[in-house]
Amino acid sequence: MMMEMRVDKIIISNRYTRTPPKESKVENHAVYYIKHRQFKKQIVVTQNGWLVDGLCDYIVAVMCGMC
């Protein structure tokens, strides 16, 4: 099910904070966003707001002030 959620309401688990993505990977996703005006992948969260997939695009969203 698709739903909208504010970026600042997404919860990041320790799984992602222990091993953050490489800067080059985040940069690649940022360039894609700037060029296409959409994220490279969907940001996937549980109904409770826990991030499941799309960490790089989540970081891009935060960098672009989408909170």
C-alpha atoms as a PDB file:
ATOM      1  CA  MET A   1       0.000   0.000   0.000  1.00  0.00           C
ATOM      2  CA  MET A   2       1.326   3.452  -0.921  1.00  0.00           C
ATOM      3  CA  MET A   3       1.057   6.305   1.526  1.00  0.00           C
ATOM      4  CA  GLU A   4       2.718   9.621   2.144  1.00  0.00           C
ATOM      5  CA  MET A   5       4.778  10.264   5.227  1.00  0.00           C
ATOM      6  CA  ARG A   6       6.799  13.246   6.332  1.00  0.00           C
ATOM      7  CA  VAL A   7      10.519  12.550   6.115  1.00  0.00           C
ATOM      8  CA  ASP A   8      11.059  13.764   9.675  1.00  0.00           C
ATOM      9  CA  LYS A   9       8.636  11.085  10.924  1.00  0.00           C
ATOM     10  CA  ILE A  10      10.695   8.202   9.475  1.00  0.00           C
ATOM     11  CA  ILE A  11      12.597   6.177  12.078  1.00  0.00           C
ATOM     12  CA  ILE A  12      16.067   4.857  11.197  1.00  0.00           C
ATOM     13  CA  SER A  13      17.058   1.548  12.786  1.00  0.00           C
ATOM     14  CA  ASN A  14      20.492   0.758  14.194  1.00  0.00           C
ATOM     15  CA  ARG A  15      21.007  -1.518  11.208  1.00  0.00           C
ATOM     16  CA  TYR A  16      21.404   1.574   9.028  1.00  0.00           C
ATOM     17  CA  THR A  17      23.239   3.794  11.501  1.00  0.00           C
ATOM     18  CA  ARG A  18      25.944   1.164  12.135  1.00  0.00           C
ATOM     19  CA  THR A  19      26.861   0.949   8.447  1.00  0.00           C
ATOM     20  CA  PRO A  20      25.963   4.169   6.615  1.00  0.00           C
ATOM     21  CA  PRO A  21      26.125   4.150   2.809  1.00  0.00           C
ATOM     22  CA  LYS A  22      29.242   5.344   1.019  1.00  0.00           C
ATOM     23  CA  GLU A  23      29.281   9.039   0.215  1.00  0.00           C
ATOM     24  CA  SER A  24      29.653   8.252  -3.496  1.00  0.00           C
ATOM     25  CA  LYS A  25      26.439   6.201  -3.443  1.00  0.00           C
ATOM     26  CA  VAL A  26      24.474   9.018  -1.809  1.00  0.00           C
ATOM     27  CA  GLU A  27      25.977  11.465  -4.310  1.00  0.00           C
ATOM     28  CA  ASN A  28      24.870   9.206  -7.168  1.00  0.00           C
ATOM     29  CA  HIS A  29      21.299   9.239  -5.842  1.00  0.00           C
ATOM     30  CA  ALA A  30      21.440  13.029  -5.388  1.00  0.00           C
ATOM     31  CA  VAL A  31      22.571  13.563  -8.979  1.00  0.00           C
ATOM     32  CA  TYR A  32      19.765  11.282 -10.182  1.00  0.00           C
ATOM     33  CA  TYR A  33      17.228  13.289  -8.165  1.00  0.00           C
ATOM     34  CA  ILE A  34      18.485  16.610  -9.535  1.00  0.00           C
ATOM     35  CA  LYS A  35      18.450  15.329 -13.111  1.00  0.00           C
ATOM     36  CA  HIS A  36      15.085  13.500 -13.054  1.00  0.00           C
ATOM     37  CA  ARG A  37      13.238  15.343 -10.232  1.00  0.00           C
ATOM     38  CA  GLN A  38      12.345  11.998  -8.678  1.00  0.00           C
ATOM     39  CA  PHE A  39      14.116   9.537  -6.451  1.00  0.00           C
ATOM     40  CA  LYS A  40      16.101   6.664  -7.873  1.00  0.00           C
ATOM     41  CA  LYS A  41      14.266   4.207  -5.586  1.00  0.00           C
ATOM     42  CA  GLN A  42      11.187   4.450  -3.447  1.00  0.00           C
ATOM     43  CA  ILE A  43      11.659   5.131   0.237  1.00  0.00           C
ATOM     44  CA  VAL A  44       9.987   2.128   1.864  1.00  0.00           C
ATOM     45  CA  VAL A  45       8.791   2.298   5.473  1.00  0.00           C
ATOM     46  CA  THR A  46       6.626   0.114   7.676  1.00  0.00           C
ATOM     47  CA  GLN A  47       3.227   1.309   8.838  1.00  0.00           C
ATOM     48  CA  ASN A  48       4.951   2.295  12.093  1.00  0.00           C
ATOM     49  CA  GLY A  49       7.426   4.516  10.227  1.00  0.00           C
ATOM     50  CA  TRP A  50      10.560   2.327  10.318  1.00  0.00           C
ATOM     51  CA  LEU A  51      12.768   2.638   7.236  1.00  0.00           C
ATOM     52  CA  VAL A  52      12.986  -0.661   5.356  1.00  0.00           C
ATOM     53  CA  ASP A  53      14.588   0.366   2.047  1.00  0.00           C
ATOM     54  CA  GLY A  54      15.736   3.502   0.272  1.00  0.00           C
ATOM     55  CA  LEU A  55      18.235   4.901   2.759  1.00  0.00           C
ATOM     56  CA  CYS A  56      20.214   6.838   0.129  1.00  0.00           C
ATOM     57  CA  ASP A  57      17.087   8.500  -1.201  1.00  0.00           C
ATOM     58  CA  TYR A  58      15.976   9.237   2.365  1.00  0.00           C
ATOM     59  CA  ILE A  59      19.299  11.011   2.936  1.00  0.00           C
ATOM     60  CA  VAL A  60      18.824  12.971  -0.313  1.00  0.00           C
ATOM     61  CA  ALA A  61      15.324  13.974   0.822  1.00  0.00           C
ATOM     62  CA  VAL A  62      16.729  15.262   4.118  1.00  0.00           C
ATOM     63  CA  MET A  63      19.561  17.082   2.314  1.00  0.00           C
ATOM     64  CA  CYS A  64      16.997  18.788   0.070  1.00  0.00           C
ATOM     65  CA  GLY A  65      15.010  19.946   3.092  1.00  0.00           C
ATOM     66  CA  MET A  66      11.958  17.769   2.521  1.00  0.00           C
ATOM     67  CA  CYS A  67      11.206  17.403   6.222  1.00  0.00           C
END
